[in-house]
Amino acid sequence: QVQLVESGGGSVQAGGSLRLSCVASGYTFGDYCMGWFRQAPGKEREGVAVLNSDGSTTYTDSVKGRFTSSKDYAKNTLYLQMNSLKPEDTAMYYCAIAMTEGSGGYCYLLATEGGMDYWGKGTLVTISS
């Protein structure tokens, strides 16, 4: 059974940093489409950083230059390093995986079309001004 468990959320002031972790289990942690998503109150869920099978990552424009996602294959863990945080980054953050592979921006496109297969329960990030 595939499980994704996020952690690392919290409350910080604007300009601060957080690192989110997503530990995956129940499948072979390889190069499937995998990424971070967030949903703020009253807003639709959006893709934040989606990792493609070729090692590239697609970021939403609002986090480019501030957020970095990476994988640790030895620990079956996906990370999201978030720097220069802003109040508008406040949201519940989720990691998700699609049991498929793709290069370039394929995985991000798949994610925008609702193609992720498994989701974690989320971790809350709150940024105060």
Protein backbone atom coordinates (compact mmCIF):
# COMPACT_ATOMS: atom_id res chain seq x y z
CA GLN A 1 0.00 0.00 0.00
CA VAL A 2 1.47 3.32 -1.07
CA GLN A 3 1.81 5.83 1.75
CA LEU A 4 3.10 9.38 1.70
CA VAL A 5 3.71 11.16 4.99
CA GLU A 6 4.57 14.85 5.04
CA SER A 7 6.25 16.73 7.88
CA GLY A 8 8.13 19.94 8.52
CA GLY A 9 5.34 22.47 8.40
CA GLY A 10 5.01 25.19 10.98
CA SER A 11 4.62 28.88 11.64
CA VAL A 12 7.40 31.28 10.69
CA GLN A 13 7.72 34.96 9.95
CA ALA A 14 8.01 36.33 6.45
CA GLY A 15 11.52 35.97 5.12
CA GLY A 16 12.11 32.76 7.02
CA SER A 17 12.68 29.22 5.80
CA LEU A 18 11.17 25.79 6.22
CA ARG A 19 12.03 22.38 4.84
CA LEU A 20 9.21 19.97 4.19
CA SER A 21 9.75 16.23 3.97
CA CYS A 22 7.64 13.52 2.40
CA VAL A 23 8.52 9.94 3.29
CA ALA A 24 7.22 7.42 0.78
CA SER A 25 6.58 3.72 1.34
CA GLY A 26 4.78 0.78 -0.23
CA TYR A 27 6.41 1.00 -3.64
CA THR A 28 9.85 1.20 -5.24
CA PHE A 29 11.01 4.78 -4.82
CA GLY A 30 12.18 5.48 -8.33
CA ASP A 31 11.62 8.14 -10.93
CA TYR A 32 7.86 8.36 -11.00
CA CYS A 33 6.23 11.76 -11.34
CA MET A 34 6.22 13.21 -7.85
CA GLY A 35 5.68 16.63 -6.45
CA TRP A 36 4.49 19.18 -3.96
CA PHE A 37 1.11 20.88 -4.05
CA ARG A 38 -0.58 23.41 -1.83
CA GLN A 39 -4.04 24.66 -1.07
CA ALA A 40 -4.75 27.91 0.69
CA PRO A 41 -8.11 28.62 2.34
CA GLY A 42 -10.68 29.52 -0.27
CA LYS A 43 -8.36 28.73 -3.17
CA GLU A 44 -7.87 25.86 -5.53
CA ARG A 45 -5.03 23.44 -5.08
CA GLU A 46 -1.96 24.30 -7.14
CA GLY A 47 1.20 22.52 -8.11
CA VAL A 48 4.25 24.03 -6.41
CA ALA A 49 7.11 21.82 -7.60
CA VAL A 50 6.76 18.70 -9.71
CA LEU A 51 9.74 16.44 -10.37
CA ASN A 52 10.06 14.82 -13.75
CA SER A 53 11.66 11.45 -14.36
CA ASP A 54 14.64 13.03 -16.12
CA GLY A 55 15.62 14.89 -12.97
CA SER A 56 14.17 18.23 -14.00
CA THR A 57 11.70 20.07 -11.81
CA THR A 58 8.85 22.33 -12.83
CA TYR A 59 8.05 25.12 -10.38
CA THR A 60 5.08 27.38 -10.34
CA ASP A 61 6.11 30.95 -11.15
CA SER A 62 5.41 32.35 -7.69
CA VAL A 63 8.05 30.13 -6.03
CA LYS A 64 10.81 30.16 -8.63
CA GLY A 65 14.11 31.15 -7.09
CA ARG A 66 12.79 30.60 -3.56
CA PHE A 67 11.78 26.92 -3.39
CA THR A 68 13.86 23.87 -4.27
CA SER A 69 12.68 20.29 -4.37
CA SER A 70 14.94 17.28 -4.17
CA LYS A 71 14.91 13.53 -3.60
CA ASP A 72 16.92 11.30 -1.32
CA TYR A 73 16.66 7.83 -2.83
CA ALA A 74 18.37 6.19 0.13
CA LYS A 75 15.73 7.58 2.49
CA ASN A 76 12.73 7.31 0.13
CA THR A 77 12.12 10.96 0.85
CA LEU A 78 11.09 13.99 -1.16
CA TYR A 79 12.03 17.41 0.18
CA LEU A 80 10.86 20.95 -0.41
CA GLN A 81 13.25 23.64 0.79
CA MET A 82 11.36 26.90 1.10
CA ASN A 83 13.28 30.15 1.53
CA SER A 84 12.25 33.81 1.60
CA LEU A 85 8.78 32.78 2.64
CA LYS A 86 5.89 35.18 2.11
CA PRO A 87 2.47 35.38 3.75
CA GLU A 88 0.94 34.25 0.46
CA ASP A 89 2.79 30.95 0.84
CA THR A 90 0.47 30.10 3.72
CA ALA A 91 -1.32 26.87 2.82
CA MET A 92 -1.64 23.17 3.47
CA TYR A 93 1.16 21.47 1.58
CA TYR A 94 0.77 17.99 0.14
CA CYS A 95 3.05 15.61 -1.65
CA ALA A 96 1.70 13.31 -4.31
CA ILE A 97 2.86 10.69 -6.77
CA ALA A 98 1.70 9.39 -10.11
CA MET A 99 2.76 5.82 -10.92
CA THR A 100 4.08 6.91 -14.29
CA GLU A 101 7.25 8.49 -15.64
CA GLY A 102 7.75 11.45 -17.88
CA SER A 103 10.39 13.95 -18.92
CA GLY A 104 10.45 17.68 -19.48
CA GLY A 105 7.25 19.21 -18.20
CA TYR A 106 5.19 16.05 -18.66
CA CYS A 107 4.74 15.37 -14.97
CA TYR A 108 3.59 18.93 -14.26
CA LEU A 109 1.09 18.72 -17.09
CA LEU A 110 -0.11 15.39 -15.74
CA ALA A 111 -0.51 16.93 -12.29
CA THR A 112 -2.56 19.86 -13.61
CA GLU A 113 -4.88 17.38 -15.27
CA GLY A 114 -5.56 15.56 -12.01
CA GLY A 115 -3.28 12.66 -12.82
CA MET A 116 -1.63 12.09 -9.43
CA ASP A 117 -2.50 8.68 -7.97
CA TYR A 118 -1.62 8.97 -4.29
CA TRP A 119 -1.63 11.86 -1.84
CA GLY A 120 -0.35 12.48 1.64
CA LYS A 121 -2.48 14.09 4.33
CA GLY A 122 -0.58 17.35 4.24
CA THR A 123 1.40 19.60 6.52
CA LEU A 124 0.36 23.15 7.39
CA VAL A 125 2.59 26.12 6.64
CA THR A 126 1.69 29.49 8.12
CA ILE A 127 3.69 32.61 7.32
CA SER A 128 3.11 35.77 9.32
CA SER A 129 3.97 39.27 8.13
